Amino acid sequence: MASLTDLINLNLSDSTEKIIAEYIWIGGSGLDIRSKARTLPGPVSDPSQLPKWNYDGSSTGQAPGEDSEVIIYPQAIFKDPFRRGNNILVMCDAYTPQGEPIPTNKRYNAAKIFSHPEVAAEVPWYGIEQEYTLLQKEVKWPLGWPIGGFPGPQGPYYCGVGADKAWGRDIVDSHYKACLYAGVNISGINGEVMPGQWEFQVGPSVGISAGDEVWIARYILERITEIAGAVVTFDPKPIQGDWNGAGAHTNYSTKLMRADGGYEVIKKAIEKLGLRHKEHISAYGEGNERRLTGRHETADINTFHWGVANRGASIRVGRDTEKAGKGYFEDRRPASNMDPYVVTSMIAETTILWKP
């Protein structure tokens, strides 16, 4: 008699050419990830080979019940680390039956910005540091924390090792390997300052692919925590008090910034970001005011300033960049629940296209 594990791990290629495609899209809150699967006649390597599909938008807060059909367009393909074989994950965005992007489709406008000739010529690179907090499923309290109580103060947990310092490493390592398997350009992981909080980094990724890869990495993390019986939250300040919040620091460079003399280009780009500070903050994640207090390695939400090696600044420039006279900078303002399509395209638009 086959066990459930045997059936889950069935290798379909032994008996059929058919594959399973998991279509993934973003729901009405802008952070809820939805997905459903369909059978395809054979392996697929390009999104243009995939059929469009639809879903009930009235059940995701994206359409009225009397006209509920929303169409999803396949945009990027990744290997499926759960079903494996030739099965795939498909990142999609959402449209009306008439072909108009629905209001929560942030990918559409981002793709327009990244396809602009001036932006494309600059080959914008992104490295996104996605912080998140693991919670106990039944009580929604950080993993490893005593229920209703608190661990010792911050200090030993950042990049910590040991059963009394690092909680959830099995989830974190599973996620790391699953992302590599899927084809996500994940470049590392580490334990964060608050116990139960972790970070993974995606990049360097070019243009729209940065957003696709972060969303797929979030999807994979949600699936793994589902299996592990834990909950992941991207809330920027899950625990009030003297605990670090969670951000999505966004590292950025253009072709000119990476070339000789790029430091001057970086400084001009940062000046532009300062002029549009309020506009960026309004698009950098919900509840970010609870995190950007001027404490816990953040700048105050109402103040814009930058500095070299300053983790209390809005924008941090690395020592290596200053020394080399070229490189990248880090926008430390985005919250952990930001939409990577919005943040990456907005940074490119402000620094490349916007004329003060």
Protein backbone atom coordinates (compact mmCIF):
# COMPACT_ATOMS: atom_id res chain seq x y z
CA MET A 1 0.00 0.00 0.00
CA ALA A 2 1.41 3.40 -1.02
CA SER A 3 1.81 5.98 1.73
CA LEU A 4 0.85 9.64 1.40
CA THR A 5 4.55 10.49 1.17
CA ASP A 6 4.97 8.00 -1.68
CA LEU A 7 2.11 9.57 -3.59
CA ILE A 8 3.30 13.14 -3.04
CA ASN A 9 6.73 12.14 -4.35
CA LEU A 10 5.46 10.30 -7.44
CA ASN A 11 7.67 10.99 -10.44
CA LEU A 12 5.17 11.77 -13.21
CA SER A 13 7.78 11.51 -15.96
CA ASP A 14 7.87 7.74 -15.38
CA SER A 15 4.35 7.39 -16.76
CA THR A 16 3.27 10.56 -18.63
CA GLU A 17 4.59 13.59 -20.49
CA LYS A 18 1.93 15.74 -18.83
CA ILE A 19 3.06 18.30 -16.28
CA ILE A 20 1.44 20.38 -13.54
CA ALA A 21 1.68 24.18 -13.72
CA GLU A 22 0.96 26.12 -10.52
CA TYR A 23 -0.36 29.55 -11.55
CA ILE A 24 0.49 32.17 -8.91
CA TRP A 25 -0.88 35.71 -8.58
CA ILE A 26 -1.33 38.48 -6.00
CA GLY A 27 -4.71 38.91 -4.31
CA GLY A 28 -6.73 41.93 -3.33
CA SER A 29 -4.76 42.99 -0.25
CA GLY A 30 -1.65 43.41 -2.36
CA LEU A 31 0.22 40.94 -0.15
CA ASP A 32 -1.91 37.78 -0.18
CA ILE A 33 -0.54 35.19 -2.58
CA ARG A 34 -3.03 32.97 -4.42
CA SER A 35 -2.42 29.96 -6.62
CA LYS A 36 -4.10 27.08 -8.41
CA ALA A 37 -2.87 24.27 -10.62
CA ARG A 38 -3.65 22.93 -14.05
CA THR A 39 -2.45 20.05 -16.22
CA LEU A 40 -0.51 20.77 -19.40
CA PRO A 41 0.25 18.28 -22.19
CA GLY A 42 4.02 18.54 -21.88
CA PRO A 43 7.03 20.51 -20.62
CA VAL A 44 7.03 24.28 -21.14
CA SER A 45 10.05 26.61 -21.03
CA ASP A 46 8.64 29.98 -22.09
CA PRO A 47 5.66 31.90 -20.63
CA SER A 48 4.39 32.67 -24.14
CA GLN A 49 3.70 28.93 -24.57
CA LEU A 50 1.31 28.93 -21.60
CA PRO A 51 -2.43 29.57 -21.86
CA LYS A 52 -4.04 32.48 -20.06
CA TRP A 53 -6.40 31.45 -17.29
CA ASN A 54 -9.04 33.00 -15.06
CA TYR A 55 -10.19 33.06 -11.44
CA ASP A 56 -13.06 34.32 -9.31
CA GLY A 57 -12.06 37.87 -8.43
CA SER A 58 -15.04 38.29 -6.10
CA SER A 59 -13.38 35.75 -3.76
CA THR A 60 -10.08 37.67 -3.66
CA GLY A 61 -11.48 41.19 -3.27
CA GLN A 62 -10.63 42.10 -6.87
CA ALA A 63 -13.97 42.03 -8.71
CA PRO A 64 -17.72 42.29 -7.98
CA GLY A 65 -19.81 39.12 -7.80
CA GLU A 66 -21.89 40.03 -10.83
CA ASP A 67 -18.77 40.38 -13.02
CA SER A 68 -16.20 38.31 -11.17
CA GLU A 69 -13.93 36.89 -13.86
CA VAL A 70 -10.30 38.04 -13.73
CA ILE A 71 -7.81 36.86 -16.36
CA ILE A 72 -4.26 35.91 -15.40
CA TYR A 73 -1.40 36.22 -17.89
CA PRO A 74 1.68 33.99 -17.40
CA GLN A 75 4.80 36.15 -17.09
CA ALA A 76 7.65 34.07 -15.63
CA ILE A 77 8.38 30.36 -15.16
CA PHE A 78 10.24 28.68 -12.30
CA LYS A 79 10.88 25.02 -11.50
CA ASP A 80 8.51 23.60 -8.89
CA PRO A 81 10.51 22.43 -5.83
CA PHE A 82 7.43 20.77 -4.32
CA ARG A 83 6.28 18.58 -7.24
CA ARG A 84 9.69 18.57 -8.93
CA GLY A 85 10.27 16.84 -12.27
CA ASN A 86 9.14 19.00 -15.20
CA ASN A 87 6.43 20.68 -13.14
CA ILE A 88 6.55 24.45 -12.90
CA LEU A 89 5.56 27.53 -10.91
CA VAL A 90 4.14 30.34 -13.05
CA MET A 91 4.18 33.97 -11.90
CA CYS A 92 1.18 35.76 -13.36
CA ASP A 93 -0.43 39.19 -13.35
CA ALA A 94 -4.13 40.00 -13.55
CA TYR A 95 -6.38 41.72 -16.13
CA THR A 96 -10.03 42.35 -16.89
CA PRO A 97 -11.61 40.27 -19.67
CA GLN A 98 -11.17 43.38 -21.84
CA GLY A 99 -7.41 43.23 -21.35
CA GLU A 100 -7.00 46.12 -18.90
CA PRO A 101 -4.74 45.58 -15.87
CA ILE A 102 -6.80 45.48 -12.67
CA PRO A 103 -5.92 48.08 -9.99
CA THR A 104 -3.90 45.63 -7.88
CA ASN A 105 -1.74 44.62 -10.86
CA LYS A 106 1.44 46.52 -9.99
CA ARG A 107 3.57 44.47 -12.35
CA TYR A 108 2.03 46.06 -15.44
CA ASN A 109 3.25 49.60 -14.72
CA ALA A 110 6.59 48.32 -13.47
CA ALA A 111 7.13 46.45 -16.74
CA LYS A 112 6.38 49.65 -18.68
CA ILE A 113 9.02 51.56 -16.70
CA PHE A 114 11.62 48.82 -17.11
CA SER A 115 10.98 48.60 -20.86
CA HIS A 116 11.52 52.35 -21.30
CA PRO A 117 14.62 52.75 -23.52
CA GLU A 118 16.43 55.03 -21.04
CA VAL A 119 15.85 52.60 -18.18
CA ALA A 120 16.70 49.49 -20.21
CA ALA A 121 19.96 51.11 -21.36
CA GLU A 122 21.01 51.54 -17.71
CA VAL A 123 20.52 47.80 -16.92
CA PRO A 124 19.26 48.43 -13.35
CA TRP A 125 20.45 45.84 -10.84
CA TYR A 126 18.63 45.11 -7.59
CA GLY A 127 19.48 43.16 -4.49
CA ILE A 128 16.51 42.91 -2.11
CA GLU A 129 16.98 41.95 1.54
CA GLN A 130 13.65 40.41 2.53
CA GLU A 131 13.18 40.23 6.30
CA TYR A 132 10.34 38.20 7.81
CA THR A 133 9.21 36.79 11.14
CA LEU A 134 8.23 33.19 11.86
CA LEU A 135 5.25 32.75 14.19
CA GLN A 136 3.81 29.87 16.16
CA LYS A 137 0.67 28.85 14.28
CA GLU A 138 -1.84 28.68 17.14
CA VAL A 139 -0.85 31.80 19.08
CA LYS A 140 0.70 34.07 16.39
CA TRP A 141 3.69 34.70 18.67
CA PRO A 142 7.28 34.49 17.36
CA LEU A 143 8.75 31.04 16.95
CA GLY A 144 10.80 30.03 20.00
CA TRP A 145 9.39 32.72 22.27
CA PRO A 146 7.64 31.62 25.49
CA ILE A 147 3.88 32.00 24.98
CA GLY A 148 2.83 35.34 26.42
CA GLY A 149 6.42 36.08 27.41
CA PHE A 150 9.67 37.35 26.00
CA PRO A 151 13.16 35.97 25.37
CA GLY A 152 16.30 37.75 26.53
CA PRO A 153 17.04 41.16 24.98
CA GLN A 154 18.47 41.59 21.50
CA GLY A 155 22.16 41.05 21.02
CA PRO A 156 22.97 37.33 20.66
CA TYR A 157 20.42 36.52 17.95
CA TYR A 158 21.75 38.34 14.85
CA CYS A 159 23.50 35.64 12.78
CA GLY A 160 23.34 33.59 15.98
CA VAL A 161 23.96 29.87 16.34
CA GLY A 162 22.46 27.57 18.95
CA ALA A 163 19.13 26.25 20.19
CA ASP A 164 18.69 29.28 22.46
CA LYS A 165 19.44 31.81 19.71
CA ALA A 166 18.20 30.53 16.35
CA TRP A 167 14.62 29.28 15.94
CA GLY A 168 13.28 28.04 12.61
CA ARG A 169 16.53 27.22 10.85
CA ASP A 170 15.02 24.08 9.30
CA ILE A 171 12.39 26.26 7.60
CA VAL A 172 14.99 28.82 6.53
CA ASP A 173 17.40 26.29 5.05
CA SER A 174 14.58 24.43 3.27
CA HIS A 175 13.49 27.72 1.76
CA TYR A 176 17.03 28.58 0.68
CA LYS A 177 17.50 25.29 -1.19
CA ALA A 178 13.99 25.33 -2.66
CA CYS A 179 14.59 28.81 -4.10
CA LEU A 180 17.88 27.71 -5.66
CA TYR A 181 16.11 24.67 -7.13
CA ALA A 182 13.32 26.88 -8.52
CA GLY A 183 15.77 29.21 -10.27
CA VAL A 184 15.30 32.18 -7.95
CA ASN A 185 18.54 34.16 -7.77
CA ILE A 186 18.69 33.93 -3.98
CA SER A 187 22.12 35.05 -2.81
CA GLY A 188 22.05 34.33 0.91
CA ILE A 189 20.25 34.06 4.25
CA ASN A 190 20.90 35.11 7.84
CA GLY A 191 19.29 35.27 11.25
CA GLU A 192 18.13 38.78 12.14
CA VAL A 193 18.38 40.96 15.25
CA MET A 194 15.00 40.02 16.72
CA PRO A 195 14.79 36.30 17.62
CA GLY A 196 12.45 34.42 15.30
CA GLN A 197 13.19 36.91 12.53
CA TRP A 198 15.20 35.96 9.44
CA GLU A 199 16.28 37.41 6.12
CA PHE A 200 16.90 36.16 2.62
CA GLN A 201 18.46 38.15 -0.19
CA VAL A 202 17.39 38.05 -3.83
CA GLY A 203 19.73 39.38 -6.48
CA PRO A 204 21.50 40.79 -8.23
CA SER A 205 18.47 40.72 -10.53
CA VAL A 206 17.81 42.96 -13.50
CA GLY A 207 14.66 45.05 -13.88
CA ILE A 208 11.29 43.32 -13.65
CA SER A 209 12.87 39.97 -12.77
CA ALA A 210 13.67 41.29 -9.27
CA GLY A 211 9.96 41.62 -8.51
CA ASP A 212 9.12 38.23 -10.03
CA GLU A 213 11.81 36.49 -8.01
CA VAL A 214 10.88 38.11 -4.69
CA TRP A 215 7.21 37.18 -5.14
CA ILE A 216 8.08 33.58 -6.04
CA ALA A 217 10.46 33.39 -3.06
CA ARG A 218 7.64 34.63 -0.81
CA TYR A 219 5.30 32.02 -2.29
CA ILE A 220 7.82 29.23 -1.65
CA LEU A 221 8.27 30.46 1.92
CA GLU A 222 4.51 30.46 2.51
CA ARG A 223 4.30 26.89 1.22
CA ILE A 224 7.18 25.69 3.40
CA THR A 225 5.77 27.27 6.56
CA GLU A 226 2.43 25.66 5.66
CA ILE A 227 4.16 22.26 5.61
CA ALA A 228 6.05 23.02 8.84
CA GLY A 229 2.93 24.15 10.71
CA ALA A 230 4.28 27.66 11.25
CA VAL A 231 3.17 31.08 9.99
CA VAL A 232 5.26 33.71 8.24
CA THR A 233 4.48 37.41 8.63
CA PHE A 234 5.90 40.31 6.64
CA ASP A 235 4.56 42.86 9.10
CA PRO A 236 7.16 45.65 9.47
CA LYS A 237 6.82 45.75 13.27
CA PRO A 238 5.32 42.45 14.47
CA ILE A 239 6.30 43.01 18.12
CA GLN A 240 6.04 46.45 19.67
CA GLY A 241 8.69 47.72 22.06
CA ASP A 242 12.46 47.44 22.04
CA TRP A 243 12.60 44.96 19.16
CA ASN A 244 13.82 45.50 15.61
CA GLY A 245 11.24 45.82 12.88
CA ALA A 246 11.37 44.05 9.53
CA GLY A 247 12.37 45.77 6.30
CA ALA A 248 13.15 45.01 2.69
CA HIS A 249 16.32 47.02 2.12
CA THR A 250 16.73 47.51 -1.61
CA ASN A 251 20.23 47.67 -3.09
CA TYR A 252 20.42 49.38 -6.45
CA SER A 253 22.83 50.33 -9.20
CA THR A 254 22.78 51.38 -12.82
CA LYS A 255 25.32 50.90 -15.60
CA LEU A 256 26.66 54.42 -15.03
CA MET A 257 26.92 53.89 -11.26
CA ARG A 258 28.94 50.73 -11.80
CA ALA A 259 31.35 52.47 -14.22
CA ASP A 260 34.32 54.69 -13.37
CA GLY A 261 33.06 57.97 -11.95
CA GLY A 262 29.87 56.28 -10.78
CA TYR A 263 30.04 57.78 -7.29
CA GLU A 264 28.98 61.17 -8.64
CA VAL A 265 26.05 59.51 -10.43
CA ILE A 266 25.09 57.82 -7.16
CA LYS A 267 25.10 61.12 -5.28
CA LYS A 268 22.88 62.76 -7.90
CA ALA A 269 20.48 59.79 -7.75
CA ILE A 270 20.29 60.03 -3.95
CA GLU A 271 19.56 63.76 -4.22
CA LYS A 272 16.59 62.95 -6.50
CA LEU A 273 15.32 60.33 -4.05
CA GLY A 274 15.44 62.91 -1.28
CA LEU A 275 13.30 65.32 -3.30
CA ARG A 276 10.60 62.64 -3.66
CA HIS A 277 10.94 61.20 -0.15
CA LYS A 278 7.26 61.51 0.83
CA GLU A 279 6.10 59.97 -2.44
CA HIS A 280 8.41 56.99 -1.99
CA ILE A 281 7.48 56.50 1.67
CA SER A 282 3.78 56.37 0.75
CA ALA A 283 4.51 53.46 -1.61
CA TYR A 284 7.04 51.59 0.53
CA GLY A 285 4.69 49.41 2.58
CA GLU A 286 1.78 49.51 5.02
CA GLY A 287 2.51 50.21 8.67
CA ASN A 288 6.02 51.43 7.92
CA GLU A 289 5.56 54.32 10.37
CA ARG A 290 5.68 51.75 13.18
CA ARG A 291 9.13 50.68 12.00
CA LEU A 292 10.77 53.92 10.79
CA THR A 293 11.08 55.60 14.17
CA GLY A 294 14.73 56.66 14.10
CA ARG A 295 15.58 53.75 16.38
CA HIS A 296 16.50 50.10 15.75
CA GLU A 297 18.72 50.82 12.74
CA THR A 298 16.23 53.07 10.94
CA ALA A 299 15.90 56.72 10.00
CA ASP A 300 12.83 58.66 11.10
CA ILE A 301 10.05 58.34 8.54
CA ASN A 302 9.75 62.12 8.14
CA THR A 303 13.47 62.74 7.65
CA PHE A 304 15.63 61.94 4.64
CA HIS A 305 19.39 61.69 4.94
CA TRP A 306 22.13 59.49 3.60
CA GLY A 307 25.55 58.43 4.78
CA VAL A 308 28.45 56.09 4.21
CA ALA A 309 28.16 52.88 6.28
CA ASN A 310 25.31 54.47 8.27
CA ARG A 311 22.54 51.99 9.08
CA GLY A 312 20.52 54.76 10.71
CA ALA A 313 20.22 56.61 7.41
CA SER A 314 17.50 56.56 4.76
CA ILE A 315 20.12 55.66 2.15
CA ARG A 316 23.36 53.85 2.99
CA VAL A 317 26.41 53.88 0.75
CA GLY A 318 28.93 51.14 1.43
CA ARG A 319 32.57 51.79 2.28
CA ASP A 320 33.62 49.74 -0.75
CA THR A 321 31.57 51.96 -3.05
CA GLU A 322 33.09 55.12 -1.56
CA LYS A 323 36.59 53.70 -1.87
CA ALA A 324 36.15 52.44 -5.44
CA GLY A 325 34.34 55.57 -6.58
CA LYS A 326 31.62 53.44 -8.11
CA GLY A 327 29.13 50.70 -7.19
CA TYR A 328 25.69 50.72 -5.60
CA PHE A 329 23.65 52.14 -2.73
CA GLU A 330 21.03 50.75 -0.35
CA ASP A 331 17.57 52.24 0.14
CA ARG A 332 16.77 51.25 3.74
CA ARG A 333 13.25 52.69 3.78
CA PRO A 334 11.10 49.91 2.22
CA ALA A 335 9.09 47.83 4.71
CA SER A 336 9.14 44.04 4.68
CA ASN A 337 5.60 44.03 3.21
CA MET A 338 6.43 46.32 0.29
CA ASP A 339 5.51 45.33 -3.25
CA PRO A 340 8.84 44.72 -5.03
CA TYR A 341 7.30 45.69 -8.38
CA VAL A 342 6.40 49.10 -6.97
CA VAL A 343 9.65 49.77 -5.12
CA THR A 344 12.08 48.66 -7.84
CA SER A 345 10.30 50.50 -10.65
CA MET A 346 9.82 53.63 -8.56
CA ILE A 347 13.53 53.81 -7.75
CA ALA A 348 14.37 53.43 -11.45
CA GLU A 349 11.78 56.03 -12.48
CA THR A 350 13.00 58.60 -9.95
CA THR A 351 16.71 58.14 -10.54
CA ILE A 352 16.68 57.70 -14.34
CA LEU A 353 13.53 59.23 -15.84
CA TRP A 354 12.42 61.92 -13.39
CA LYS A 355 13.56 65.47 -14.13
CA PRO A 356 13.29 67.70 -11.02
